[in-house]
Amino acid sequence: MAVRLFDPQTPRAPLRDELAAALERVLDDGRYILGPEVEAFEREFAAWLGTEHVVGVANGTEAITIALRAMGVGPGDEVVVPSFTFYASAEAIPPTGATPVFCDVDPATFVATPDAVRAVLTPRTKAVILVHLFGNVAPVAEVEALGVPVLEDAAQATGSRLRGELTGGLGTIATFSFYPSKNLGGLGDGGAIATADAALAERVRTLRFHGSPDKETFTDVGYNSRLDELQAAALRVQLPHVHAWCEGRRAAGRAYAAAGLGDHVRLPVPADGADPAWNLYVVRHERPEELASALRAADIGARSYYSVPAHRQPALADLGRDAVLPGTEEAARTHLALPMGPALTEAQVGEVVAAVSAAGG
C-alpha cells in the first residue's frame, strides 16, 4: 500500500461541493481583494482562535515581516529566532532592517527553550520569534517572562494547544500560513496575523496595504500583502472542520506509538504542557537518509526538511558563523518526516511501521 507524506485531498473531498459554491459566490460577487469573504474569515478565525483580531495577508512569510514591523522592529534591532526551522522564519527578519540572532532548540521537541533564548539576548533584542515547529508548541509565557515580546510563528501549528490554549493567542502577536499542506490549508498561498492588541492590529492593516490606513494617505513604506477573496472563501468552508482534523492528526500520532514505531526510531516528544496537532510527524534516526531511501522504495513518503539549518544557509551564513547550536545540529542531522494527516488510517500507519522495521530502523 502506498502511503503519501501528505494527503490534502482526502479530508477535503466531502467539502468539494461546498468549496465550489464558495468560489462561485466570489465570482458572482465580483470583488476579489479585501472584500466580504476576507472580512468574514478574519472575524471567524479570530473567534476560533479566541483572540480579538485577525488580519489576512498574502502568505506566512510576509506575515512575519509585517508583524515585526508592527511591533516596532527596525534597523539596529535584533530578533532572536531558532535556526532549526523553515528558512522563512529567519528570512522574514532582514526586510525590517533588523538582524536575526539564532538560538538553539531542544532536539527532542524541536522547539526553543527559555534557556536557549536567554543565552542570546542582548540589549538590542527587540523581539523573539518562537516557532511552533511541526505542530509542537514552544514555551511562550516563559520566554516573555524574560522581558521581551514574543511573535508566535504558528504556520505549522493551527489547532495545537498549550495547557488548553490554542496557539495564536499565547504571545504578543502570531502569524499563520495557509499553504495547502498546513493544518488549515488554502487552495494556494495565504497567511494571517493574530493579536489581542487593537493598536497592533491596526498597524498591521496599514502595513499590509502599502502603508495606508485609508487607501489615499500613505504614512509608511508598506507592503502589497493581502489575502484574496477566493482563498478566504475556501478557508471559511474548511475552518469548522479544523478541530476534527487536528484530532485526526493526534490520533495518527497515537497510532504510530501504539504500533511500535518507537522501537525503531525516536518519536517526537510533546513540549511541556503541549498538545500538538502534528502538521508533520518527525522522528529521529541515526541514518535518516538511508531510512528515507528505503521507505521511498517501499512507496512510503519520507523526507528530511531542515538538514541545513537557517544559520548555515548561504544567504545567512555570515550572520550565523559564530553560532554554537548543538541541539540544532543534532536535530538537523537525525530528523525524518513520516506520513501524517487527518485521514491517515491505522492500516496506513501499520504499513509505515512495517516498512521502517523492514528497513532496519
Protein backbone atom coordinates (compact mmCIF):
# COMPACT_ATOMS: atom_id res chain seq x y z
CA MET A 1 0.00 0.00 0.00
CA ALA A 2 1.39 3.41 -0.99
CA VAL A 3 1.29 5.99 1.78
CA ARG A 4 1.81 9.61 0.82
CA LEU A 5 3.70 12.05 3.03
CA PHE A 6 0.78 14.49 2.64
CA ASP A 7 -2.80 13.83 1.58
CA PRO A 8 -4.67 17.14 1.46
CA GLN A 9 -7.31 15.80 -0.92
CA THR A 10 -8.98 13.11 1.23
CA PRO A 11 -10.17 15.38 4.08
CA ARG A 12 -11.33 17.99 1.55
CA ALA A 13 -13.22 15.51 -0.63
CA PRO A 14 -16.52 15.76 1.32
CA LEU A 15 -16.30 19.56 1.02
CA ARG A 16 -15.88 19.78 -2.76
CA ASP A 17 -19.42 20.96 -3.47
CA GLU A 18 -19.30 23.49 -0.64
CA LEU A 19 -15.89 24.74 -1.80
CA ALA A 20 -17.13 25.07 -5.37
CA ALA A 21 -20.18 27.02 -4.18
CA ALA A 22 -17.96 29.35 -2.13
CA LEU A 23 -15.70 30.07 -5.09
CA GLU A 24 -18.73 30.63 -7.32
CA ARG A 25 -20.09 33.05 -4.74
CA VAL A 26 -16.93 35.14 -5.09
CA LEU A 27 -17.12 35.02 -8.88
CA ASP A 28 -20.73 36.18 -8.78
CA ASP A 29 -19.93 38.96 -6.34
CA GLY A 30 -17.03 40.27 -8.43
CA ARG A 31 -14.93 41.52 -5.51
CA TYR A 32 -11.56 39.74 -5.28
CA ILE A 33 -9.37 41.81 -2.93
CA LEU A 34 -10.23 42.73 0.69
CA GLY A 35 -13.93 42.13 0.28
CA PRO A 36 -16.63 40.46 2.38
CA GLU A 37 -15.07 37.00 2.37
CA VAL A 38 -11.81 38.26 3.86
CA GLU A 39 -13.68 40.34 6.44
CA ALA A 40 -15.82 37.36 7.42
CA PHE A 41 -12.87 34.97 7.58
CA GLU A 42 -10.92 37.40 9.77
CA ARG A 43 -13.84 37.55 12.23
CA GLU A 44 -14.43 33.81 12.18
CA PHE A 45 -10.79 32.85 12.58
CA ALA A 46 -10.36 35.34 15.45
CA ALA A 47 -13.36 33.77 17.20
CA TRP A 48 -12.00 30.28 16.50
CA LEU A 49 -8.62 31.20 17.99
CA GLY A 50 -10.17 33.05 20.92
CA THR A 51 -8.34 36.29 20.17
CA GLU A 52 -9.56 39.77 19.29
CA HIS A 53 -8.09 40.49 15.88
CA VAL A 54 -7.04 38.62 12.75
CA VAL A 55 -5.68 40.33 9.65
CA GLY A 56 -5.35 38.35 6.43
CA VAL A 57 -2.17 38.74 4.39
CA ALA A 58 -0.69 37.17 1.27
CA ASN A 59 1.42 34.43 2.88
CA GLY A 60 3.05 33.29 6.09
CA THR A 61 6.45 34.81 5.32
CA GLU A 62 5.16 38.33 4.78
CA ALA A 63 3.02 37.83 7.88
CA ILE A 64 6.20 37.61 9.96
CA THR A 65 7.81 40.68 8.39
CA ILE A 66 4.66 42.77 8.77
CA ALA A 67 4.09 41.58 12.36
CA LEU A 68 7.65 42.50 13.29
CA ARG A 69 7.27 45.93 11.70
CA ALA A 70 4.03 46.42 13.62
CA MET A 71 5.93 45.57 16.83
CA GLY A 72 8.35 48.40 16.08
CA VAL A 73 11.25 46.25 14.91
CA GLY A 74 13.62 48.14 12.66
CA PRO A 75 17.23 48.94 11.78
CA GLY A 76 19.67 48.38 14.63
CA ASP A 77 17.41 45.87 16.39
CA GLU A 78 17.97 42.16 16.88
CA VAL A 79 15.34 39.44 16.62
CA VAL A 80 16.01 36.05 18.16
CA VAL A 81 14.86 33.10 16.03
CA PRO A 82 15.54 29.35 16.14
CA SER A 83 17.84 28.11 13.41
CA PHE A 84 16.08 24.74 13.14
CA THR A 85 13.03 25.94 11.25
CA PHE A 86 11.91 26.67 7.73
CA TYR A 87 14.18 29.35 6.27
CA ALA A 88 11.30 31.84 6.05
CA SER A 89 11.20 32.29 9.84
CA ALA A 90 14.65 33.90 9.64
CA GLU A 91 14.38 35.27 6.09
CA ALA A 92 11.48 37.50 7.18
CA ILE A 93 13.67 39.45 9.62
CA PRO A 94 16.20 41.32 7.39
CA PRO A 95 13.46 43.13 5.37
CA THR A 96 12.64 45.00 8.60
CA GLY A 97 16.22 46.23 8.85
CA ALA A 98 16.83 44.12 11.95
CA THR A 99 19.38 41.34 12.38
CA PRO A 100 18.49 37.69 13.04
CA VAL A 101 20.18 36.17 16.08
CA PHE A 102 19.98 32.39 16.09
CA CYS A 103 19.08 30.38 19.16
CA ASP A 104 19.20 26.65 19.79
CA VAL A 105 16.36 24.13 20.13
CA ASP A 106 15.75 21.05 22.22
CA PRO A 107 16.27 18.23 19.69
CA ALA A 108 13.64 16.07 21.42
CA THR A 109 10.85 18.63 20.97
CA PHE A 110 12.35 20.67 18.08
CA VAL A 111 11.36 23.96 19.78
CA ALA A 112 13.36 26.66 21.54
CA THR A 113 13.64 26.74 25.33
CA PRO A 114 13.84 29.72 27.69
CA ASP A 115 17.48 28.89 28.41
CA ALA A 116 18.30 28.83 24.70
CA VAL A 117 16.69 32.22 24.21
CA ARG A 118 18.25 33.71 27.34
CA ALA A 119 21.70 32.70 26.10
CA VAL A 120 21.49 35.02 23.08
CA LEU A 121 19.57 38.01 24.44
CA THR A 122 21.32 41.36 24.22
CA PRO A 123 20.27 44.97 24.91
CA ARG A 124 19.43 45.20 21.19
CA THR A 125 16.90 42.35 21.28
CA LYS A 126 13.53 43.76 20.20
CA ALA A 127 11.54 40.54 19.80
CA VAL A 128 11.75 36.77 19.86
CA ILE A 129 10.21 34.55 17.20
CA LEU A 130 9.16 31.25 18.74
CA VAL A 131 8.39 28.64 16.09
CA HIS A 132 5.77 26.03 16.96
CA LEU A 133 7.63 23.59 14.75
CA PHE A 134 5.89 20.54 13.25
CA GLY A 135 2.87 21.35 15.46
CA ASN A 136 4.71 21.23 18.78
CA VAL A 137 4.34 24.32 20.99
CA ALA A 138 7.18 26.50 22.26
CA PRO A 139 7.09 27.96 25.82
CA VAL A 140 5.73 31.41 25.04
CA ALA A 141 4.94 32.66 28.56
CA GLU A 142 8.30 31.56 29.94
CA VAL A 143 10.15 33.42 27.18
CA GLU A 144 8.03 36.57 27.52
CA ALA A 145 8.89 36.44 31.25
CA LEU A 146 12.46 37.18 30.16
CA GLY A 147 11.22 40.68 29.32
CA VAL A 148 10.94 40.54 25.54
CA PRO A 149 7.79 40.25 23.38
CA VAL A 150 7.18 37.00 21.50
CA LEU A 151 5.95 36.55 17.98
CA GLU A 152 4.45 33.08 17.60
CA ASP A 153 5.28 31.54 14.23
CA ALA A 154 2.27 29.22 14.20
CA ALA A 155 2.47 28.34 10.50
CA GLN A 156 2.71 24.63 11.31
CA ALA A 157 0.56 24.63 14.44
CA THR A 158 -3.00 25.74 13.77
CA GLY A 159 -5.07 23.83 16.32
CA SER A 160 -2.20 22.90 18.61
CA ARG A 161 -2.69 23.76 22.28
CA LEU A 162 -0.55 24.67 25.26
CA ARG A 163 -2.21 23.95 28.61
CA GLY A 164 -5.58 24.11 26.88
CA GLU A 165 -4.97 27.38 24.99
CA LEU A 166 -4.70 27.43 21.21
CA THR A 167 -1.59 28.70 19.51
CA GLY A 168 -2.09 32.17 18.13
CA GLY A 169 -3.15 33.72 21.41
CA LEU A 170 -0.19 32.85 23.60
CA GLY A 171 2.15 35.76 22.82
CA THR A 172 2.08 39.39 21.75
CA ILE A 173 1.30 38.56 18.14
CA ALA A 174 1.12 35.43 16.00
CA THR A 175 1.48 34.55 12.34
CA PHE A 176 -0.11 31.78 10.29
CA SER A 177 0.41 30.24 6.89
CA PHE A 178 -2.41 28.74 4.82
CA TYR A 179 -0.12 26.89 2.43
CA PRO A 180 -2.14 23.87 1.22
CA SER A 181 -0.29 21.32 3.38
CA LYS A 182 -0.91 23.19 6.64
CA ASN A 183 -3.46 22.14 9.28
CA LEU A 184 -5.74 24.82 7.82
CA GLY A 185 -4.66 24.99 4.20
CA GLY A 186 -5.96 27.09 1.37
CA LEU A 187 -6.08 26.39 -2.34
CA GLY A 188 -2.89 28.41 -2.80
CA ASP A 189 -0.85 30.86 -0.75
CA GLY A 190 -2.29 32.83 2.13
CA GLY A 191 -1.48 33.96 5.64
CA ALA A 192 -2.77 35.81 8.67
CA ILE A 193 -1.65 37.76 11.71
CA ALA A 194 -3.48 37.42 15.03
CA THR A 195 -3.27 39.61 18.13
CA ALA A 196 -5.34 40.77 21.08
CA ASP A 197 -3.82 44.25 20.78
CA ALA A 198 -6.06 46.64 18.79
CA ALA A 199 -3.24 49.09 18.10
CA LEU A 200 -1.02 46.33 16.75
CA ALA A 201 -3.85 45.03 14.57
CA GLU A 202 -4.47 48.48 13.10
CA ARG A 203 -0.77 48.88 12.40
CA VAL A 204 -0.78 45.52 10.59
CA ARG A 205 -3.77 46.58 8.47
CA THR A 206 -1.94 49.75 7.45
CA LEU A 207 1.27 47.94 6.57
CA ARG A 208 -0.43 45.21 4.53
CA PHE A 209 -1.93 47.84 2.19
CA HIS A 210 1.08 49.89 1.07
CA GLY A 211 1.34 51.66 4.43
CA SER A 212 -2.03 53.33 4.03
CA PRO A 213 -4.79 53.48 6.65
CA ASP A 214 -7.39 54.74 4.17
CA LYS A 215 -6.09 53.82 0.67
CA GLU A 216 -5.42 57.50 -0.02
CA THR A 217 -2.87 58.64 2.57
CA PHE A 218 0.40 56.70 2.75
CA THR A 219 2.04 57.02 6.15
CA ASP A 220 4.58 54.19 5.78
CA VAL A 221 6.51 52.28 3.19
CA GLY A 222 4.40 49.17 3.50
CA TYR A 223 3.58 46.04 1.53
CA ASN A 224 1.11 44.82 -1.05
CA SER A 225 0.20 41.75 1.00
CA ARG A 226 -3.46 40.84 1.05
CA LEU A 227 -5.36 37.61 1.48
CA ASP A 228 -7.60 37.35 -1.57
CA GLU A 229 -11.33 36.67 -1.59
CA LEU A 230 -11.11 33.26 -3.25
CA GLN A 231 -8.69 31.96 -0.62
CA ALA A 232 -10.72 33.45 2.21
CA ALA A 233 -13.89 31.82 0.89
CA ALA A 234 -12.18 28.41 0.74
CA LEU A 235 -10.73 28.85 4.22
CA ARG A 236 -14.16 29.70 5.62
CA VAL A 237 -15.53 26.39 4.33
CA GLN A 238 -12.73 24.43 5.97
CA LEU A 239 -12.40 26.28 9.29
CA PRO A 240 -15.32 24.48 11.04
CA HIS A 241 -13.59 21.15 10.35
CA VAL A 242 -10.12 22.01 11.62
CA HIS A 243 -10.61 20.83 15.21
CA ALA A 244 -11.76 17.42 13.93
CA TRP A 245 -8.85 17.30 11.50
CA CYS A 246 -6.44 18.13 14.33
CA GLU A 247 -7.88 15.30 16.40
CA GLY A 248 -7.21 13.05 13.42
CA ARG A 249 -3.59 14.15 13.43
CA ARG A 250 -3.31 13.46 17.15
CA ALA A 251 -4.91 10.05 16.66
CA ALA A 252 -2.39 9.24 13.94
CA GLY A 253 0.45 10.13 16.32
CA ARG A 254 -1.01 7.85 18.98
CA ALA A 255 -1.42 5.08 16.41
CA TYR A 256 2.26 5.31 15.47
CA ALA A 257 3.22 4.88 19.12
CA ALA A 258 0.76 2.01 19.65
CA ALA A 259 2.05 0.23 16.53
CA GLY A 260 5.57 0.15 17.94
CA LEU A 261 7.24 2.81 15.82
CA GLY A 262 9.21 3.85 18.89
CA ASP A 263 11.01 0.50 18.81
CA HIS A 264 12.76 1.61 15.62
CA VAL A 265 13.10 5.40 15.79
CA ARG A 266 12.87 8.15 18.40
CA LEU A 267 9.35 9.56 18.41
CA PRO A 268 8.62 13.29 18.64
CA VAL A 269 8.18 14.47 22.22
CA PRO A 270 5.43 16.98 23.07
CA ALA A 271 6.83 20.05 24.81
CA ASP A 272 5.86 20.54 28.44
CA GLY A 273 2.11 21.23 28.58
CA ALA A 274 1.69 20.93 24.81
CA ASP A 275 -1.00 19.01 22.95
CA PRO A 276 0.37 19.11 19.40
CA ALA A 277 -1.78 18.80 16.31
CA TRP A 278 1.06 17.32 14.30
CA ASN A 279 1.47 19.11 10.99
CA LEU A 280 4.48 16.90 10.32
CA TYR A 281 5.32 13.71 12.20
CA VAL A 282 9.08 14.00 12.56
CA VAL A 283 11.08 11.19 14.13
CA ARG A 284 14.81 10.89 14.73
CA HIS A 285 17.15 8.21 13.43
CA GLU A 286 20.92 7.92 13.19
CA ARG A 287 20.78 7.30 9.42
CA PRO A 288 17.74 9.26 8.26
CA GLU A 289 18.66 9.43 4.58
CA GLU A 290 19.20 5.67 4.39
CA LEU A 291 15.86 5.10 6.08
CA ALA A 292 14.13 7.62 3.80
CA SER A 293 15.54 5.92 0.71
CA ALA A 294 14.29 2.53 1.89
CA LEU A 295 10.86 3.93 2.67
CA ARG A 296 10.53 5.63 -0.69
CA ALA A 297 11.46 2.32 -2.36
CA ALA A 298 8.51 0.82 -0.47
CA ASP A 299 6.24 3.65 -1.74
CA ILE A 300 6.15 5.34 1.68
CA GLY A 301 6.56 9.11 1.74
CA ALA A 302 9.51 10.29 3.86
CA ARG A 303 11.93 13.20 3.78
CA SER A 304 14.12 15.43 5.89
CA TYR A 305 13.24 19.12 5.95
CA TYR A 306 15.92 21.23 7.58
CA SER A 307 19.14 19.25 7.16
CA VAL A 308 20.88 22.58 6.57
CA PRO A 309 19.56 24.84 9.34
CA ALA A 310 18.96 28.53 8.75
CA HIS A 311 22.23 29.74 10.27
CA ARG A 312 24.18 27.67 7.75
CA GLN A 313 22.17 28.67 4.68
CA PRO A 314 24.33 30.65 2.21
CA ALA A 315 22.28 33.84 2.45
CA LEU A 316 22.54 33.96 6.26
CA ALA A 317 25.82 32.16 6.91
CA ASP A 318 27.71 35.38 7.71
CA LEU A 319 25.19 36.14 10.46
CA GLY A 320 25.35 32.61 11.83
CA ARG A 321 29.06 31.89 11.58
CA ASP A 322 29.66 32.26 15.34
CA ALA A 323 26.52 30.43 16.44
CA VAL A 324 27.07 27.38 18.62
CA LEU A 325 23.86 25.35 18.40
CA PRO A 326 24.37 21.70 19.36
CA GLY A 327 20.68 20.90 19.67
CA THR A 328 20.05 22.35 16.22
CA GLU A 329 22.88 20.34 14.68
CA GLU A 330 21.56 17.17 16.33
CA ALA A 331 18.03 17.79 15.08
CA ALA A 332 19.24 18.65 11.58
CA ARG A 333 21.39 15.51 11.40
CA THR A 334 18.82 13.00 12.64
CA HIS A 335 15.29 14.13 11.72
CA LEU A 336 12.94 12.48 9.25
CA ALA A 337 9.28 13.25 8.48
CA LEU A 338 6.90 10.32 8.06
CA PRO A 339 3.36 10.39 6.64
CA MET A 340 0.92 12.46 8.67
CA GLY A 341 -2.55 13.84 8.12
CA PRO A 342 -6.09 13.89 9.48
CA ALA A 343 -7.15 11.00 7.22
CA LEU A 344 -4.18 8.71 7.93
CA THR A 345 -5.64 5.29 8.79
CA GLU A 346 -4.40 2.66 11.23
CA ALA A 347 -3.78 0.39 8.25
CA GLN A 348 -1.55 3.04 6.66
CA VAL A 349 0.25 3.55 9.97
CA GLY A 350 0.85 -0.19 10.08
CA GLU A 351 2.34 -0.08 6.58
CA VAL A 352 4.68 2.71 7.58
CA VAL A 353 5.83 0.95 10.76
CA ALA A 354 6.32 -2.33 8.90
CA ALA A 355 8.40 -0.57 6.26
CA VAL A 356 10.52 1.16 8.92
CA SER A 357 11.07 -2.18 10.64
CA ALA A 358 11.97 -3.91 7.36
CA ALA A 359 14.46 -1.13 6.59
CA GLY A 360 16.28 -1.90 9.80
CA GLY A 361 15.08 1.20 11.55
